Amino acid sequence: MKHTLTRTLGGLIVGLSVALSVQAQPVDGEVKKIDLDAGKITLKHGPIQNLDIPAMQMAFRVANPAWLQKLQVGDKVTFEADKVGGQFTVTAIDVRK
């Protein structure tokens, strides 16, 4: 019983560390296009490690469409993205000062 418990706890710890390593991390980017009607933003960005996406320019859904009204094309931003409902989605965004 003790051996099984040790193995189970070890597996949980490994699983937890893997889960933590793929959390969304802040990425620097630049706003290239804002589509208020579609609730999307196009960003030129660095690598997004948690999504295994290299540096590129791409469109994202935004978790909160109100964010789009506070942004302008050309803004330098820091953002986090994740896959939500099967779509790449910006889950946090701030204009860099």
Protein backbone atom coordinates (compact mmCIF):
# COMPACT_ATOMS: atom_id res chain seq x y z
CA MET A 1 0.00 0.00 0.00
CA LYS A 2 2.77 2.45 0.87
CA HIS A 3 4.51 1.82 -2.46
CA THR A 4 1.28 2.51 -4.40
CA LEU A 5 0.67 5.72 -2.43
CA THR A 6 4.21 6.92 -3.08
CA ARG A 7 3.84 6.24 -6.80
CA THR A 8 0.46 8.00 -6.90
CA LEU A 9 1.81 11.07 -5.09
CA GLY A 10 4.86 11.11 -7.34
CA GLY A 11 2.60 11.02 -10.40
CA LEU A 12 0.51 13.88 -9.04
CA ILE A 13 3.60 15.99 -8.43
CA VAL A 14 4.91 15.33 -11.95
CA GLY A 15 1.46 16.10 -13.41
CA LEU A 16 1.23 19.32 -11.44
CA SER A 17 4.64 20.51 -12.57
CA VAL A 18 3.74 19.79 -16.21
CA ALA A 19 0.45 21.67 -15.82
CA LEU A 20 2.22 24.65 -14.28
CA SER A 21 4.83 24.78 -17.01
CA VAL A 22 2.19 25.35 -19.72
CA GLN A 23 0.37 28.22 -18.02
CA ALA A 24 -0.07 31.37 -20.07
CA GLN A 25 2.91 33.67 -19.78
CA PRO A 26 3.15 37.36 -20.72
CA VAL A 27 4.17 37.97 -24.35
CA ASP A 28 5.19 41.26 -25.95
CA GLY A 29 3.37 42.32 -29.08
CA GLU A 30 2.18 45.17 -31.27
CA VAL A 31 -1.41 45.86 -32.29
CA LYS A 32 -1.72 45.62 -36.09
CA LYS A 33 -5.50 45.53 -36.55
CA ILE A 34 -8.63 45.82 -34.41
CA ASP A 35 -11.93 44.28 -35.57
CA LEU A 36 -14.63 45.49 -33.18
CA ASP A 37 -17.45 43.68 -35.01
CA ALA A 38 -15.71 40.29 -34.87
CA GLY A 39 -14.25 40.83 -31.37
CA LYS A 40 -10.75 40.14 -32.69
CA ILE A 41 -7.33 41.72 -32.58
CA THR A 42 -4.36 41.10 -34.85
CA LEU A 43 -1.04 41.13 -33.02
CA LYS A 44 2.56 40.87 -34.18
CA HIS A 45 4.07 38.94 -31.28
CA GLY A 46 6.96 36.96 -29.89
CA PRO A 47 6.76 33.22 -29.20
CA ILE A 48 3.75 32.04 -27.18
CA GLN A 49 5.24 29.09 -25.34
CA ASN A 50 2.10 27.74 -23.68
CA LEU A 51 0.45 27.43 -27.11
CA ASP A 52 3.63 26.32 -28.93
CA ILE A 53 3.29 29.22 -31.40
CA PRO A 54 6.41 30.84 -32.85
CA ALA A 55 6.81 34.60 -33.28
CA MET A 56 4.44 35.80 -36.03
CA GLN A 57 1.47 38.02 -36.77
CA MET A 58 -1.97 36.53 -36.20
CA ALA A 59 -5.55 37.34 -35.20
CA PHE A 60 -6.96 36.38 -31.81
CA ARG A 61 -10.38 36.48 -30.22
CA VAL A 62 -10.42 38.56 -27.04
CA ALA A 63 -11.92 37.37 -23.77
CA ASN A 64 -13.39 40.85 -23.18
CA PRO A 65 -14.43 42.78 -26.32
CA ALA A 66 -14.41 46.05 -24.32
CA TRP A 67 -10.59 45.86 -24.34
CA LEU A 68 -10.64 46.58 -28.08
CA GLN A 69 -12.10 50.05 -27.55
CA LYS A 70 -9.14 51.03 -25.36
CA LEU A 71 -6.47 49.92 -27.84
CA GLN A 72 -5.11 51.55 -30.98
CA VAL A 73 -3.22 50.19 -33.97
CA GLY A 74 0.48 50.64 -33.21
CA ASP A 75 0.14 50.17 -29.43
CA LYS A 76 2.93 48.10 -27.89
CA VAL A 77 1.28 45.58 -25.56
CA THR A 78 1.98 42.75 -23.18
CA PHE A 79 -0.63 40.01 -23.37
CA GLU A 80 -1.48 36.46 -22.40
CA ALA A 81 -3.23 34.01 -24.69
CA ASP A 82 -4.77 30.59 -24.30
CA LYS A 83 -7.01 28.24 -26.22
CA VAL A 84 -10.60 28.92 -25.14
CA GLY A 85 -13.45 27.00 -26.73
CA GLY A 86 -11.02 25.72 -29.36
CA GLN A 87 -9.95 29.24 -30.43
CA PHE A 88 -6.80 31.19 -29.67
CA THR A 89 -7.93 33.92 -27.29
CA VAL A 90 -6.24 36.88 -25.61
CA THR A 91 -7.05 36.42 -21.93
CA ALA A 92 -5.23 39.51 -20.62
CA ILE A 93 -3.73 42.58 -22.31
CA ASP A 94 -2.02 45.77 -21.18
CA VAL A 95 -0.46 48.65 -23.11
CA ARG A 96 3.27 48.87 -22.33
CA LYS A 97 4.45 52.23 -21.06
